[in-house]
């Protein structure tokens, strides 16, 4: 099974890529997906009203987004820091 990750930003950068799921679990009120991208191992937790995305590897991150709403967050690494708003939509 595959998972598709898509994103666009205000600078016109577009990202879309399919990844092979390593593991998928359904716990009723929580769905869990595991895959690997070019930056490390990733986990997505899908709840009724939030999405949590974790990445461990070259870039480590933890992001929590409310479904159907804008979420403000700060993204930073050793080389980069920025403040963003993201609108999360399940398609």
Protein backbone atom coordinates (compact mmCIF):
# COMPACT_ATOMS: atom_id res chain seq x y z
CA UNK A 1 0.00 0.00 0.00
CA UNK A 2 1.19 3.54 -0.73
CA UNK A 3 0.68 6.95 0.85
CA UNK A 4 0.78 10.21 -1.14
CA UNK A 5 2.28 13.31 0.48
CA UNK A 6 1.45 16.63 -1.20
CA UNK A 7 2.25 20.21 -0.24
CA UNK A 8 2.52 23.68 -1.74
CA UNK A 9 3.75 26.91 -0.19
CA UNK A 10 3.43 30.65 -0.73
CA UNK A 11 6.70 30.64 -2.70
CA UNK A 12 5.24 28.36 -5.35
CA UNK A 13 7.17 25.28 -4.29
CA UNK A 14 5.21 22.12 -4.94
CA UNK A 15 5.95 18.66 -3.56
CA UNK A 16 4.15 15.43 -4.38
CA UNK A 17 5.50 11.95 -3.85
CA UNK A 18 4.21 8.43 -3.22
CA UNK A 19 5.79 6.32 -0.48
CA UNK A 20 5.45 2.64 0.32
CA UNK A 21 3.79 2.15 3.71
CA UNK A 22 5.96 0.09 6.06
CA UNK A 23 3.15 -0.34 8.59
CA UNK A 24 -0.51 0.66 8.93
CA UNK A 25 -2.58 0.23 12.09
CA UNK A 26 -6.18 1.09 12.91
CA UNK A 27 -7.05 1.56 16.58
CA UNK A 28 -10.60 2.83 16.07
CA UNK A 29 -10.20 6.50 17.01
CA UNK A 30 -6.57 6.59 15.79
CA UNK A 31 -4.96 5.46 12.53
CA UNK A 32 -1.19 5.11 12.36
CA UNK A 33 0.95 5.07 9.20
CA UNK A 34 4.72 4.44 8.97
CA UNK A 35 6.87 5.23 5.93
CA UNK A 36 10.36 6.46 5.05
CA UNK A 37 11.18 9.55 2.99
CA UNK A 38 14.46 11.09 1.83
CA UNK A 39 15.00 12.65 5.30
CA UNK A 40 14.24 9.76 7.65
CA UNK A 41 11.60 7.51 9.18
CA UNK A 42 8.12 9.04 9.40
CA UNK A 43 4.94 8.34 11.35
CA UNK A 44 1.52 9.87 10.83
CA UNK A 45 -1.21 9.62 13.47
CA UNK A 46 -4.71 10.49 12.22
CA UNK A 47 -7.29 11.25 14.90
CA UNK A 48 -10.85 12.55 14.42
CA UNK A 49 -9.83 16.23 14.51
CA UNK A 50 -6.01 16.30 14.35
CA UNK A 51 -3.09 14.96 12.33
CA UNK A 52 0.31 14.37 13.97
CA UNK A 53 3.41 13.96 11.78
CA UNK A 54 6.74 12.78 13.20
CA UNK A 55 10.06 12.44 11.37
CA UNK A 56 13.25 10.92 12.79
CA UNK A 57 16.50 11.09 10.82
CA UNK A 58 18.41 13.76 8.92
CA UNK A 59 15.60 16.20 9.79
CA UNK A 60 13.71 15.58 13.05
CA UNK A 61 10.28 17.10 13.39
CA UNK A 62 6.97 16.88 15.25
CA UNK A 63 3.97 18.65 13.77
CA UNK A 64 0.39 18.68 15.06
CA UNK A 65 -2.36 20.11 12.86
CA UNK A 66 -6.10 20.61 13.42
CA UNK A 67 -8.10 19.13 10.55
CA UNK A 68 -9.96 21.76 8.50
CA UNK A 69 -8.23 24.70 10.22
CA UNK A 70 -5.13 26.88 9.90
CA UNK A 71 -2.38 25.96 12.35
CA UNK A 72 0.52 28.33 13.09
CA UNK A 73 3.92 26.75 13.65
CA UNK A 74 7.65 27.49 13.63
CA UNK A 75 9.94 25.26 11.60
CA UNK A 76 13.64 25.40 12.29
CA UNK A 77 16.82 23.43 11.75
CA UNK A 78 20.47 24.37 12.22
CA UNK A 79 20.40 26.05 8.80
CA UNK A 80 16.87 27.50 8.63
CA UNK A 81 14.06 28.99 10.72
CA UNK A 82 10.65 30.19 9.59
CA UNK A 83 7.13 30.84 10.88
CA UNK A 84 4.24 29.40 8.90
CA UNK A 85 0.53 28.74 8.85
CA UNK A 86 -0.74 25.54 7.33
CA UNK A 87 -4.29 24.60 6.36
CA UNK A 88 -4.81 20.86 6.81
CA UNK A 89 -7.25 19.08 4.55
CA UNK A 90 -7.76 15.34 4.20
CA UNK A 91 -8.32 14.39 0.57
